[in-house]
């Protein structure tokens, strides 16, 4: 460990905490966020699958909203793409940011067109997605820089 890395680690830790304790916490947090990414990917994947196969519950929900089946397939496709991207570390941060937008829309739809009580679920998912996006911010910045260089 270089001196600058050690100095950075000391700034990020609570006062009086040994360096090993800080590193252990960061490691556990990274593992927890990786597990969260996988669980959210499965959640969004199953949600997408129901839309993409036109499961009767998905059709009923989109009918209640007054939206056609094309919207159901588009949202299902976005969810599936995002679910896969959450599993790819370099894409996970960008996927989490995109899902924040999708979940903000889902909260609004729940509040205005469906069941207001269920609007809390997408809002809670946003909190988890923000944590993932924050944890993956360096790789997301690298990804965007690469895209800008190639454009």
C-alpha atoms as a PDB file:
ATOM      1  CA  UNK A   1       0.000   0.000   0.000  1.00  0.00           C
ATOM      2  CA  UNK A   2       1.418   3.365  -0.971  1.00  0.00           C
ATOM      3  CA  UNK A   3       1.533   6.295   1.418  1.00  0.00           C
ATOM      4  CA  UNK A   4      -1.099   8.215  -0.548  1.00  0.00           C
ATOM      5  CA  UNK A   5      -3.427   5.192  -0.519  1.00  0.00           C
ATOM      6  CA  UNK A   6      -2.918   4.791   3.212  1.00  0.00           C
ATOM      7  CA  UNK A   7      -3.548   8.506   3.756  1.00  0.00           C
ATOM      8  CA  UNK A   8      -6.732   8.307   1.655  1.00  0.00           C
ATOM      9  CA  UNK A   9      -7.931   5.279   3.621  1.00  0.00           C
ATOM     10  CA  UNK A  10      -7.310   7.073   6.900  1.00  0.00           C
ATOM     11  CA  UNK A  11      -9.406  10.046   5.757  1.00  0.00           C
ATOM     12  CA  UNK A  12     -12.358   7.810   4.866  1.00  0.00           C
ATOM     13  CA  UNK A  13     -12.409   5.934   8.180  1.00  0.00           C
ATOM     14  CA  UNK A  14     -13.925   6.870  11.512  1.00  0.00           C
ATOM     15  CA  UNK A  15     -11.469   8.397  13.927  1.00  0.00           C
ATOM     16  CA  UNK A  16      -9.626   5.788  15.931  1.00  0.00           C
ATOM     17  CA  UNK A  17     -10.638   2.860  13.707  1.00  0.00           C
ATOM     18  CA  UNK A  18      -7.781   0.568  12.697  1.00  0.00           C
ATOM     19  CA  UNK A  19      -7.007   0.400   8.960  1.00  0.00           C
ATOM     20  CA  UNK A  20      -7.879  -3.313   8.864  1.00  0.00           C
ATOM     21  CA  UNK A  21     -11.339  -2.577  10.253  1.00  0.00           C
ATOM     22  CA  UNK A  22     -11.980   0.071   7.578  1.00  0.00           C
ATOM     23  CA  UNK A  23     -10.823  -2.247   4.816  1.00  0.00           C
ATOM     24  CA  UNK A  24     -13.034  -5.000   6.195  1.00  0.00           C
ATOM     25  CA  UNK A  25     -16.070  -2.719   6.214  1.00  0.00           C
ATOM     26  CA  UNK A  26     -15.402  -1.609   2.646  1.00  0.00           C
ATOM     27  CA  UNK A  27     -15.034  -5.240   1.590  1.00  0.00           C
ATOM     28  CA  UNK A  28     -18.293  -6.246   3.271  1.00  0.00           C
ATOM     29  CA  UNK A  29     -20.078  -3.251   1.731  1.00  0.00           C
ATOM     30  CA  UNK A  30     -18.791  -4.197  -1.728  1.00  0.00           C
ATOM     31  CA  UNK A  31     -19.997  -7.776  -1.255  1.00  0.00           C
ATOM     32  CA  UNK A  32     -23.389  -6.556  -0.023  1.00  0.00           C
ATOM     33  CA  UNK A  33     -23.780  -4.287  -3.051  1.00  0.00           C
ATOM     34  CA  UNK A  34     -22.762  -7.104  -5.400  1.00  0.00           C
ATOM     35  CA  UNK A  35     -25.410  -9.354  -3.841  1.00  0.00           C
ATOM     36  CA  UNK A  36     -27.892  -6.484  -4.136  1.00  0.00           C
ATOM     37  CA  UNK A  37     -27.026  -6.095  -7.846  1.00  0.00           C
ATOM     38  CA  UNK A  38     -27.650  -9.790  -8.470  1.00  0.00           C
ATOM     39  CA  UNK A  39     -30.933  -9.803  -6.534  1.00  0.00           C
ATOM     40  CA  UNK A  40     -32.154  -6.685  -8.364  1.00  0.00           C
ATOM     41  CA  UNK A  41     -31.093  -8.183 -11.694  1.00  0.00           C
ATOM     42  CA  UNK A  42     -33.192 -11.266 -10.907  1.00  0.00           C
ATOM     43  CA  UNK A  43     -36.120  -9.114  -9.776  1.00  0.00           C
ATOM     44  CA  UNK A  44     -36.056  -6.952 -12.902  1.00  0.00           C
ATOM     45  CA  UNK A  45     -35.411 -10.000 -15.089  1.00  0.00           C
ATOM     46  CA  UNK A  46     -38.512 -11.787 -13.797  1.00  0.00           C
ATOM     47  CA  UNK A  47     -40.562  -8.603 -14.153  1.00  0.00           C
ATOM     48  CA  UNK A  48     -39.319  -8.188 -17.723  1.00  0.00           C
ATOM     49  CA  UNK A  49     -39.968 -11.829 -18.561  1.00  0.00           C
ATOM     50  CA  UNK A  50     -43.631 -11.498 -17.487  1.00  0.00           C
ATOM     51  CA  UNK A  51     -44.032  -8.522 -19.809  1.00  0.00           C
ATOM     52  CA  UNK A  52     -42.150 -10.069 -22.719  1.00  0.00           C
ATOM     53  CA  UNK A  53     -44.205 -13.276 -22.664  1.00  0.00           C
ATOM     54  CA  UNK A  54     -47.394 -11.215 -22.230  1.00  0.00           C
ATOM     55  CA  UNK A  55     -48.334 -12.893 -18.961  1.00  0.00           C
ATOM     56  CA  UNK A  56     -51.977 -12.220 -18.136  1.00  0.00           C
ATOM     57  CA  UNK A  57     -51.091 -10.187 -15.019  1.00  0.00           C
ATOM     58  CA  UNK A  58     -48.865  -7.896 -17.076  1.00  0.00           C
ATOM     59  CA  UNK A  59     -51.589  -7.474 -19.691  1.00  0.00           C
ATOM     60  CA  UNK A  60     -54.149  -6.675 -16.976  1.00  0.00           C
ATOM     61  CA  UNK A  61     -51.850  -4.088 -15.399  1.00  0.00           C
ATOM     62  CA  UNK A  62     -51.195  -2.316 -18.691  1.00  0.00           C
ATOM     63  CA  UNK A  63     -54.924  -2.427 -19.499  1.00  0.00           C
ATOM     64  CA  UNK A  64     -55.677  -0.804 -16.089  1.00  0.00           C
ATOM     65  CA  UNK A  65     -53.215   1.973 -16.959  1.00  0.00           C
ATOM     66  CA  UNK A  66     -54.805   2.417 -20.386  1.00  0.00           C
ATOM     67  CA  UNK A  67     -51.536   1.565 -22.117  1.00  0.00           C
ATOM     68  CA  UNK A  68     -51.241  -0.767 -25.080  1.00  0.00           C
ATOM     69  CA  UNK A  69     -49.196  -3.936 -25.334  1.00  0.00           C
ATOM     70  CA  UNK A  70     -46.450  -2.185 -27.305  1.00  0.00           C
ATOM     71  CA  UNK A  71     -45.657  -0.164 -24.162  1.00  0.00           C
ATOM     72  CA  UNK A  72     -45.563  -3.415 -22.182  1.00  0.00           C
ATOM     73  CA  UNK A  73     -43.018  -4.931 -24.574  1.00  0.00           C
ATOM     74  CA  UNK A  74     -40.890  -1.764 -24.626  1.00  0.00           C
ATOM     75  CA  UNK A  75     -40.772  -1.559 -20.834  1.00  0.00           C
ATOM     76  CA  UNK A  76     -40.115  -5.309 -20.629  1.00  0.00           C
ATOM     77  CA  UNK A  77     -37.246  -4.969 -23.088  1.00  0.00           C
ATOM     78  CA  UNK A  78     -35.757  -2.061 -21.135  1.00  0.00           C
ATOM     79  CA  UNK A  79     -36.043  -4.018 -17.896  1.00  0.00           C
ATOM     80  CA  UNK A  80     -34.396  -7.088 -19.421  1.00  0.00           C
ATOM     81  CA  UNK A  81     -31.539  -5.066 -20.898  1.00  0.00           C
ATOM     82  CA  UNK A  82     -31.036  -3.331 -17.559  1.00  0.00           C
ATOM     83  CA  UNK A  83     -31.149  -6.616 -15.658  1.00  0.00           C
ATOM     84  CA  UNK A  84     -28.390  -8.051 -17.833  1.00  0.00           C
ATOM     85  CA  UNK A  85     -26.380  -4.813 -17.576  1.00  0.00           C
ATOM     86  CA  UNK A  86     -26.593  -4.903 -13.758  1.00  0.00           C
ATOM     87  CA  UNK A  87     -24.692  -8.200 -13.891  1.00  0.00           C
ATOM     88  CA  UNK A  88     -21.842  -6.723 -15.984  1.00  0.00           C
ATOM     89  CA  UNK A  89     -19.654  -4.682 -13.631  1.00  0.00           C
ATOM     90  CA  UNK A  90     -18.614  -2.031 -16.167  1.00  0.00           C
ATOM     91  CA  UNK A  91     -22.277  -1.445 -17.123  1.00  0.00           C
ATOM     92  CA  UNK A  92     -23.819  -1.784 -13.651  1.00  0.00           C
ATOM     93  CA  UNK A  93     -23.536   1.884 -12.694  1.00  0.00           C
ATOM     94  CA  UNK A  94     -25.104   3.115 -15.917  1.00  0.00           C
ATOM     95  CA  UNK A  95     -27.839   0.486 -15.617  1.00  0.00           C
ATOM     96  CA  UNK A  96     -28.541   1.547 -12.030  1.00  0.00           C
ATOM     97  CA  UNK A  97     -28.864   5.190 -13.128  1.00  0.00           C
ATOM     98  CA  UNK A  98     -31.212   4.218 -15.961  1.00  0.00           C
ATOM     99  CA  UNK A  99     -33.298   2.102 -13.589  1.00  0.00           C
ATOM    100  CA  UNK A 100     -33.607   5.123 -11.265  1.00  0.00           C
ATOM    101  CA  UNK A 101     -35.418   6.912 -14.075  1.00  0.00           C
ATOM    102  CA  UNK A 102     -37.576   3.902 -14.838  1.00  0.00           C
ATOM    103  CA  UNK A 103     -38.449   3.471 -11.152  1.00  0.00           C
ATOM    104  CA  UNK A 104     -39.266   7.183 -10.780  1.00  0.00           C
ATOM    105  CA  UNK A 105     -41.741   6.704 -13.611  1.00  0.00           C
ATOM    106  CA  UNK A 106     -43.078   3.555 -11.965  1.00  0.00           C
ATOM    107  CA  UNK A 107     -43.675   5.472  -8.720  1.00  0.00           C
ATOM    108  CA  UNK A 108     -45.571   8.170 -10.588  1.00  0.00           C
ATOM    109  CA  UNK A 109     -47.673   5.553 -12.398  1.00  0.00           C
ATOM    110  CA  UNK A 110     -48.429   3.809  -9.100  1.00  0.00           C
ATOM    111  CA  UNK A 111     -49.480   7.107  -7.512  1.00  0.00           C
ATOM    112  CA  UNK A 112     -51.624   8.315 -10.404  1.00  0.00           C
ATOM    113  CA  UNK A 113     -52.973   5.253 -12.207  1.00  0.00           C
ATOM    114  CA  UNK A 114     -52.677   2.193  -9.985  1.00  0.00           C
ATOM    115  CA  UNK A 115     -52.416   1.551  -6.248  1.00  0.00           C
ATOM    116  CA  UNK A 116     -50.967   4.449  -4.272  1.00  0.00           C
ATOM    117  CA  UNK A 117     -49.848   2.137  -1.468  1.00  0.00           C
ATOM    118  CA  UNK A 118     -47.551   0.278  -3.878  1.00  0.00           C
ATOM    119  CA  UNK A 119     -45.724   3.471  -4.932  1.00  0.00           C
ATOM    120  CA  UNK A 120     -43.277   2.933  -2.057  1.00  0.00           C
ATOM    121  CA  UNK A 121     -41.733  -0.144  -3.705  1.00  0.00           C
ATOM    122  CA  UNK A 122     -40.181   1.626  -6.717  1.00  0.00           C
ATOM    123  CA  UNK A 123     -39.065   4.430  -4.389  1.00  0.00           C
ATOM    124  CA  UNK A 124     -37.252   1.914  -2.163  1.00  0.00           C
ATOM    125  CA  UNK A 125     -35.647   0.338  -5.209  1.00  0.00           C
ATOM    126  CA  UNK A 126     -34.341   3.777  -6.187  1.00  0.00           C
ATOM    127  CA  UNK A 127     -32.447   3.942  -2.881  1.00  0.00           C
ATOM    128  CA  UNK A 128     -30.721   0.618  -3.631  1.00  0.00           C
ATOM    129  CA  UNK A 129     -30.023   1.650  -7.218  1.00  0.00           C
ATOM    130  CA  UNK A 130     -28.453   4.939  -6.099  1.00  0.00           C
ATOM    131  CA  UNK A 131     -26.138   2.986  -3.776  1.00  0.00           C
ATOM    132  CA  UNK A 132     -25.113   0.738  -6.669  1.00  0.00           C
ATOM    133  CA  UNK A 133     -24.584   3.698  -9.007  1.00  0.00           C
ATOM    134  CA  UNK A 134     -22.467   5.423  -6.366  1.00  0.00           C
ATOM    135  CA  UNK A 135     -20.353   2.335  -5.770  1.00  0.00           C
ATOM    136  CA  UNK A 136     -19.797   1.845  -9.529  1.00  0.00           C
ATOM    137  CA  UNK A 137     -19.218   5.558 -10.298  1.00  0.00           C
ATOM    138  CA  UNK A 138     -15.552   5.118 -11.249  1.00  0.00           C
ATOM    139  CA  UNK A 139     -16.255   2.398 -13.811  1.00  0.00           C
ATOM    140  CA  UNK A 140     -19.227   4.400 -15.118  1.00  0.00           C
ATOM    141  CA  UNK A 141     -17.010   7.463 -15.589  1.00  0.00           C
ATOM    142  CA  UNK A 142     -14.463   5.283 -17.421  1.00  0.00           C
ATOM    143  CA  UNK A 143     -17.227   3.876 -19.628  1.00  0.00           C
ATOM    144  CA  UNK A 144     -18.544   7.348 -20.513  1.00  0.00           C
ATOM    145  CA  UNK A 145     -14.999   8.580 -21.227  1.00  0.00           C
ATOM    146  CA  UNK A 146     -14.468   5.638 -23.568  1.00  0.00           C
ATOM    147  CA  UNK A 147     -17.729   6.389 -25.364  1.00  0.00           C
ATOM    148  CA  UNK A 148     -16.788  10.078 -25.737  1.00  0.00           C
ATOM    149  CA  UNK A 149     -13.366   9.165 -27.159  1.00  0.00           C
ATOM    150  CA  UNK A 150     -14.927   6.873 -29.758  1.00  0.00           C
ATOM    151  CA  UNK A 151     -17.653   9.337 -30.742  1.00  0.00           C
END
